[in-house]
Amino acid sequence: MRQTQLFRVLLFLALCTTLVMTTSQTDHSATTGINDKVAHILTFILLGLLTQQAFPHLRKNWRSYAWLLAYGLGIELIQYFIPQRSFSLLDLAADATGLLIAYALMLSIGQATRAR
């Protein structure tokens, strides 16, 4: 299996896991002990980095992360209809923050490798 194919499978699994965890009625932040906004940021850093590896030709195109932010918006819309869950613009902002961090990491790593 090629490396990009492996990362595409990992990205798909991460997207599925995120969807299941965020649309269940269980509050996972209580069981993991991780603050909700921190969990959103970390999740979307991971999704952003996996996207960069799964689709290397899109690495420098920040717009390629727009679909991940749309995914986050979709999750928030689904949560609006789930008891014990709610739509949150702050969660969406945390998702965007995670994506910005992933993009900045990619730029920093790219600059560091070119400097060698």
N, C-alpha and C. Protein backbone atom coordinates (compact mmCIF):
# COMPACT_ATOMS: atom_id res chain seq x y z
N MET A 1 0.85 -1.17 0.00
CA MET A 1 0.00 0.00 0.00
C MET A 1 0.90 1.24 0.00
N ARG A 2 0.63 2.14 -0.92
CA ARG A 2 1.40 3.38 -0.98
C ARG A 2 1.13 4.23 0.25
N GLN A 3 2.07 5.09 0.57
CA GLN A 3 1.97 5.93 1.76
C GLN A 3 0.72 6.83 1.71
N THR A 4 0.45 7.45 0.56
CA THR A 4 -0.73 8.31 0.48
C THR A 4 -2.02 7.51 0.68
N GLN A 5 -2.05 6.28 0.17
CA GLN A 5 -3.23 5.44 0.37
C GLN A 5 -3.43 5.11 1.85
N LEU A 6 -2.34 4.82 2.54
CA LEU A 6 -2.41 4.54 3.97
C LEU A 6 -2.97 5.76 4.72
N PHE A 7 -2.47 6.95 4.40
CA PHE A 7 -2.97 8.15 5.07
C PHE A 7 -4.42 8.44 4.70
N ARG A 8 -4.84 8.09 3.51
CA ARG A 8 -6.26 8.27 3.15
C ARG A 8 -7.15 7.35 3.96
N VAL A 9 -6.69 6.13 4.19
CA VAL A 9 -7.44 5.19 5.04
C VAL A 9 -7.49 5.73 6.48
N LEU A 10 -6.34 6.19 6.99
CA LEU A 10 -6.30 6.75 8.34
C LEU A 10 -7.19 7.98 8.47
N LEU A 11 -7.20 8.83 7.45
CA LEU A 11 -8.07 10.00 7.46
C LEU A 11 -9.53 9.59 7.49
N PHE A 12 -9.90 8.62 6.67
CA PHE A 12 -11.28 8.12 6.65
C PHE A 12 -11.68 7.57 8.02
N LEU A 13 -10.80 6.78 8.63
CA LEU A 13 -11.08 6.22 9.95
C LEU A 13 -11.20 7.32 11.01
N ALA A 14 -10.34 8.33 10.93
CA ALA A 14 -10.40 9.44 11.89
C ALA A 14 -11.69 10.24 11.71
N LEU A 15 -12.11 10.45 10.46
CA LEU A 15 -13.37 11.16 10.22
C LEU A 15 -14.56 10.37 10.76
N CYS A 16 -14.55 9.06 10.54
CA CYS A 16 -15.64 8.20 11.04
C CYS A 16 -15.67 8.18 12.56
N THR A 17 -14.51 8.03 13.18
CA THR A 17 -14.42 8.00 14.64
C THR A 17 -14.90 9.32 15.23
N THR A 18 -14.48 10.43 14.63
CA THR A 18 -14.90 11.74 15.09
C THR A 18 -16.41 11.90 14.99
N LEU A 19 -16.98 11.46 13.87
CA LEU A 19 -18.42 11.57 13.69
C LEU A 19 -19.18 10.74 14.72
N VAL A 20 -18.74 9.53 14.97
CA VAL A 20 -19.41 8.66 15.95
C VAL A 20 -19.32 9.27 17.35
N MET A 21 -18.12 9.73 17.72
CA MET A 21 -17.94 10.26 19.08
C MET A 21 -18.71 11.56 19.29
N THR A 22 -18.81 12.38 18.26
CA THR A 22 -19.46 13.68 18.42
C THR A 22 -20.97 13.63 18.25
N THR A 23 -21.47 12.54 17.72
CA THR A 23 -22.92 12.44 17.54
C THR A 23 -23.57 11.45 18.50
N SER A 24 -22.78 10.86 19.38
CA SER A 24 -23.36 9.99 20.40
C SER A 24 -23.89 10.86 21.54
N GLN A 25 -24.76 10.30 22.33
CA GLN A 25 -25.33 11.07 23.43
C GLN A 25 -24.40 11.12 24.64
N THR A 26 -23.31 10.38 24.60
CA THR A 26 -22.35 10.35 25.69
C THR A 26 -21.42 11.55 25.60
N ASP A 27 -21.17 12.20 26.72
CA ASP A 27 -20.21 13.30 26.78
C ASP A 27 -18.83 12.70 27.02
N HIS A 28 -18.03 12.59 25.96
CA HIS A 28 -16.71 11.94 26.06
C HIS A 28 -15.70 12.79 26.80
N SER A 29 -15.92 14.10 26.90
CA SER A 29 -14.96 14.95 27.62
C SER A 29 -14.95 14.60 29.10
N ALA A 30 -16.09 14.14 29.62
CA ALA A 30 -16.15 13.76 31.03
C ALA A 30 -15.34 12.49 31.30
N THR A 31 -15.33 11.58 30.33
CA THR A 31 -14.61 10.31 30.54
C THR A 31 -13.12 10.44 30.23
N THR A 32 -12.75 11.33 29.31
CA THR A 32 -11.33 11.47 28.96
C THR A 32 -10.63 12.49 29.82
N GLY A 33 -11.37 13.41 30.42
CA GLY A 33 -10.77 14.45 31.23
C GLY A 33 -10.16 15.58 30.41
N ILE A 34 -10.42 15.60 29.10
CA ILE A 34 -9.90 16.64 28.23
C ILE A 34 -10.97 17.71 28.05
N ASN A 35 -10.57 18.97 28.21
CA ASN A 35 -11.48 20.08 27.97
C ASN A 35 -12.07 19.98 26.57
N ASP A 36 -13.35 20.31 26.43
CA ASP A 36 -14.05 20.18 25.15
C ASP A 36 -13.38 20.97 24.03
N LYS A 37 -12.99 22.19 24.29
CA LYS A 37 -12.38 23.02 23.23
C LYS A 37 -10.99 22.49 22.87
N VAL A 38 -10.25 22.02 23.86
CA VAL A 38 -8.94 21.42 23.58
C VAL A 38 -9.12 20.17 22.73
N ALA A 39 -10.14 19.38 23.03
CA ALA A 39 -10.41 18.17 22.24
C ALA A 39 -10.74 18.54 20.80
N HIS A 40 -11.51 19.60 20.60
CA HIS A 40 -11.82 20.05 19.23
C HIS A 40 -10.55 20.47 18.51
N ILE A 41 -9.71 21.26 19.18
CA ILE A 41 -8.46 21.73 18.56
C ILE A 41 -7.57 20.55 18.19
N LEU A 42 -7.36 19.62 19.13
CA LEU A 42 -6.50 18.47 18.87
C LEU A 42 -7.05 17.59 17.75
N THR A 43 -8.36 17.38 17.75
CA THR A 43 -8.98 16.56 16.71
C THR A 43 -8.75 17.17 15.33
N PHE A 44 -8.94 18.48 15.23
CA PHE A 44 -8.81 19.10 13.91
C PHE A 44 -7.36 19.34 13.51
N ILE A 45 -6.44 19.39 14.47
CA ILE A 45 -5.02 19.35 14.11
C ILE A 45 -4.73 17.99 13.46
N LEU A 46 -5.18 16.93 14.10
CA LEU A 46 -4.97 15.58 13.56
C LEU A 46 -5.60 15.44 12.18
N LEU A 47 -6.85 15.88 12.02
CA LEU A 47 -7.51 15.77 10.72
C LEU A 47 -6.77 16.60 9.67
N GLY A 48 -6.31 17.78 10.04
CA GLY A 48 -5.57 18.61 9.10
C GLY A 48 -4.25 17.98 8.68
N LEU A 49 -3.52 17.42 9.65
CA LEU A 49 -2.24 16.78 9.32
C LEU A 49 -2.44 15.52 8.49
N LEU A 50 -3.48 14.75 8.82
CA LEU A 50 -3.77 13.56 8.01
C LEU A 50 -4.16 13.96 6.58
N THR A 51 -4.91 15.04 6.44
CA THR A 51 -5.29 15.52 5.11
C THR A 51 -4.05 15.92 4.31
N GLN A 52 -3.10 16.59 4.97
CA GLN A 52 -1.87 16.99 4.30
C GLN A 52 -1.10 15.79 3.77
N GLN A 53 -1.08 14.72 4.55
CA GLN A 53 -0.35 13.52 4.14
C GLN A 53 -1.14 12.70 3.11
N ALA A 54 -2.45 12.72 3.23
CA ALA A 54 -3.28 11.94 2.32
C ALA A 54 -3.36 12.59 0.93
N PHE A 55 -3.27 13.91 0.90
CA PHE A 55 -3.37 14.65 -0.36
C PHE A 55 -2.21 15.64 -0.45
N PRO A 56 -0.98 15.13 -0.66
CA PRO A 56 0.20 16.00 -0.62
C PRO A 56 0.19 17.11 -1.67
N HIS A 57 -0.50 16.92 -2.77
CA HIS A 57 -0.55 17.95 -3.81
C HIS A 57 -1.37 19.17 -3.37
N LEU A 58 -2.12 19.05 -2.26
CA LEU A 58 -2.92 20.16 -1.75
C LEU A 58 -2.31 20.84 -0.53
N ARG A 59 -1.11 20.46 -0.15
CA ARG A 59 -0.50 20.94 1.10
C ARG A 59 -0.44 22.45 1.20
N LYS A 60 -0.06 23.11 0.15
CA LYS A 60 0.12 24.56 0.22
C LYS A 60 -1.17 25.32 -0.06
N ASN A 61 -2.24 24.62 -0.32
CA ASN A 61 -3.52 25.26 -0.61
C ASN A 61 -4.37 25.25 0.65
N TRP A 62 -4.40 26.36 1.38
CA TRP A 62 -5.15 26.42 2.63
C TRP A 62 -6.64 26.21 2.41
N ARG A 63 -7.11 26.48 1.21
CA ARG A 63 -8.54 26.28 0.92
C ARG A 63 -8.93 24.81 0.97
N SER A 64 -7.94 23.93 0.86
CA SER A 64 -8.25 22.50 0.91
C SER A 64 -8.77 22.09 2.29
N TYR A 65 -8.55 22.94 3.29
CA TYR A 65 -9.06 22.64 4.62
C TYR A 65 -10.49 23.13 4.82
N ALA A 66 -11.00 23.85 3.84
CA ALA A 66 -12.38 24.35 3.94
C ALA A 66 -13.37 23.19 4.08
N TRP A 67 -13.08 22.07 3.41
CA TRP A 67 -14.02 20.94 3.53
C TRP A 67 -13.99 20.36 4.94
N LEU A 68 -12.84 20.43 5.62
CA LEU A 68 -12.78 19.96 7.01
C LEU A 68 -13.58 20.89 7.93
N LEU A 69 -13.51 22.18 7.66
CA LEU A 69 -14.31 23.11 8.46
C LEU A 69 -15.80 22.90 8.17
N ALA A 70 -16.13 22.60 6.92
CA ALA A 70 -17.52 22.28 6.58
C ALA A 70 -17.97 21.00 7.30
N TYR A 71 -17.07 20.05 7.42
CA TYR A 71 -17.34 18.82 8.17
C TYR A 71 -17.64 19.17 9.63
N GLY A 72 -16.84 20.06 10.23
CA GLY A 72 -17.08 20.51 11.60
C GLY A 72 -18.43 21.20 11.73
N LEU A 73 -18.78 22.02 10.75
CA LEU A 73 -20.09 22.68 10.75
C LEU A 73 -21.20 21.64 10.66
N GLY A 74 -21.00 20.64 9.81
CA GLY A 74 -22.00 19.56 9.69
C GLY A 74 -22.21 18.84 11.01
N ILE A 75 -21.13 18.58 11.72
CA ILE A 75 -21.24 17.93 13.02
C ILE A 75 -22.04 18.80 13.99
N GLU A 76 -21.75 20.10 13.99
CA GLU A 76 -22.48 21.01 14.87
C GLU A 76 -23.97 21.03 14.52
N LEU A 77 -24.29 21.00 13.24
CA LEU A 77 -25.69 20.99 12.82
C LEU A 77 -26.38 19.70 13.27
N ILE A 78 -25.69 18.57 13.15
CA ILE A 78 -26.25 17.29 13.62
C ILE A 78 -26.46 17.34 15.13
N GLN A 79 -25.51 17.90 15.86
CA GLN A 79 -25.61 17.96 17.31
C GLN A 79 -26.79 18.80 17.78
N TYR A 80 -27.21 19.74 16.97
CA TYR A 80 -28.37 20.57 17.32
C TYR A 80 -29.62 19.70 17.55
N PHE A 81 -29.70 18.59 16.83
CA PHE A 81 -30.88 17.72 16.90
C PHE A 81 -30.72 16.54 17.86
N ILE A 82 -29.60 16.46 18.57
CA ILE A 82 -29.34 15.34 19.47
C ILE A 82 -29.54 15.80 20.91
N PRO A 83 -30.38 15.08 21.67
CA PRO A 83 -30.53 15.44 23.09
C PRO A 83 -29.17 15.40 23.81
N GLN A 84 -28.96 16.26 24.74
CA GLN A 84 -27.72 16.42 25.51
C GLN A 84 -26.56 16.97 24.67
N ARG A 85 -26.84 17.38 23.46
CA ARG A 85 -25.83 18.02 22.61
C ARG A 85 -26.39 19.36 22.15
N SER A 86 -25.53 20.21 21.62
CA SER A 86 -26.00 21.50 21.13
C SER A 86 -25.07 22.02 20.04
N PHE A 87 -25.61 22.93 19.24
CA PHE A 87 -24.82 23.63 18.24
C PHE A 87 -23.97 24.66 18.97
N SER A 88 -22.69 24.76 18.61
CA SER A 88 -21.80 25.72 19.29
C SER A 88 -20.85 26.38 18.29
N LEU A 89 -20.97 27.70 18.20
CA LEU A 89 -20.02 28.44 17.37
C LEU A 89 -18.62 28.40 17.97
N LEU A 90 -18.53 28.29 19.29
CA LEU A 90 -17.21 28.18 19.93
C LEU A 90 -16.52 26.87 19.55
N ASP A 91 -17.29 25.80 19.43
CA ASP A 91 -16.71 24.53 18.97
C ASP A 91 -16.20 24.68 17.55
N LEU A 92 -16.97 25.36 16.70
CA LEU A 92 -16.55 25.58 15.32
C LEU A 92 -15.29 26.45 15.27
N ALA A 93 -15.20 27.42 16.16
CA ALA A 93 -13.99 28.26 16.24
C ALA A 93 -12.80 27.42 16.69
N ALA A 94 -13.01 26.50 17.61
CA ALA A 94 -11.93 25.60 18.05
C ALA A 94 -11.50 24.70 16.90
N ASP A 95 -12.46 24.24 16.10
CA ASP A 95 -12.13 23.42 14.92
C ASP A 95 -11.24 24.23 13.96
N ALA A 96 -11.63 25.47 13.70
CA ALA A 96 -10.86 26.34 12.80
C ALA A 96 -9.46 26.61 13.37
N THR A 97 -9.37 26.77 14.67
CA THR A 97 -8.06 26.97 15.32
C THR A 97 -7.16 25.76 15.10
N GLY A 98 -7.71 24.57 15.27
CA GLY A 98 -6.94 23.35 15.02
C GLY A 98 -6.45 23.27 13.59
N LEU A 99 -7.29 23.65 12.64
CA LEU A 99 -6.89 23.62 11.24
C LEU A 99 -5.80 24.65 10.94
N LEU A 100 -5.91 25.83 11.56
CA LEU A 100 -4.87 26.85 11.39
C LEU A 100 -3.54 26.38 11.95
N ILE A 101 -3.58 25.72 13.08
CA ILE A 101 -2.35 25.18 13.68
C ILE A 101 -1.75 24.11 12.77
N ALA A 102 -2.58 23.23 12.23
CA ALA A 102 -2.08 22.18 11.31
C ALA A 102 -1.44 22.82 10.09
N TYR A 103 -2.07 23.85 9.55
CA TYR A 103 -1.52 24.53 8.37
C TYR A 103 -0.19 25.21 8.71
N ALA A 104 -0.14 25.86 9.88
CA ALA A 104 1.11 26.52 10.31
C ALA A 104 2.22 25.50 10.53
N LEU A 105 1.88 24.35 11.10
CA LEU A 105 2.87 23.29 11.29
C LEU A 105 3.42 22.82 9.95
N MET A 106 2.52 22.66 8.98
CA MET A 106 2.95 22.22 7.66
C MET A 106 3.89 23.24 7.04
N LEU A 107 3.56 24.52 7.15
CA LEU A 107 4.44 25.56 6.60
C LEU A 107 5.79 25.58 7.30
N SER A 108 5.79 25.44 8.63
CA SER A 108 7.03 25.45 9.40
C SER A 108 7.92 24.27 9.05
N ILE A 109 7.32 23.11 8.94
CA ILE A 109 8.08 21.90 8.58
C ILE A 109 8.65 22.04 7.17
N GLY A 110 7.84 22.59 6.26
CA GLY A 110 8.30 22.81 4.89
C GLY A 110 9.47 23.75 4.83
N GLN A 111 9.42 24.83 5.60
CA GLN A 111 10.53 25.80 5.62
C GLN A 111 11.78 25.18 6.25
N ALA A 112 11.61 24.40 7.29
CA ALA A 112 12.75 23.77 7.96
C ALA A 112 13.44 22.78 7.04
N THR A 113 12.67 22.02 6.29
CA THR A 113 13.29 21.03 5.39
C THR A 113 13.95 21.70 4.20
N ARG A 114 13.43 22.84 3.74
CA ARG A 114 14.07 23.55 2.63
C ARG A 114 15.35 24.23 3.08
N ALA A 115 15.44 24.59 4.35
CA ALA A 115 16.63 25.28 4.88
C ALA A 115 17.83 24.35 5.02
N ARG A 116 17.60 23.05 5.02
CA ARG A 116 18.71 22.09 5.19
C ARG A 116 19.60 22.05 4.00
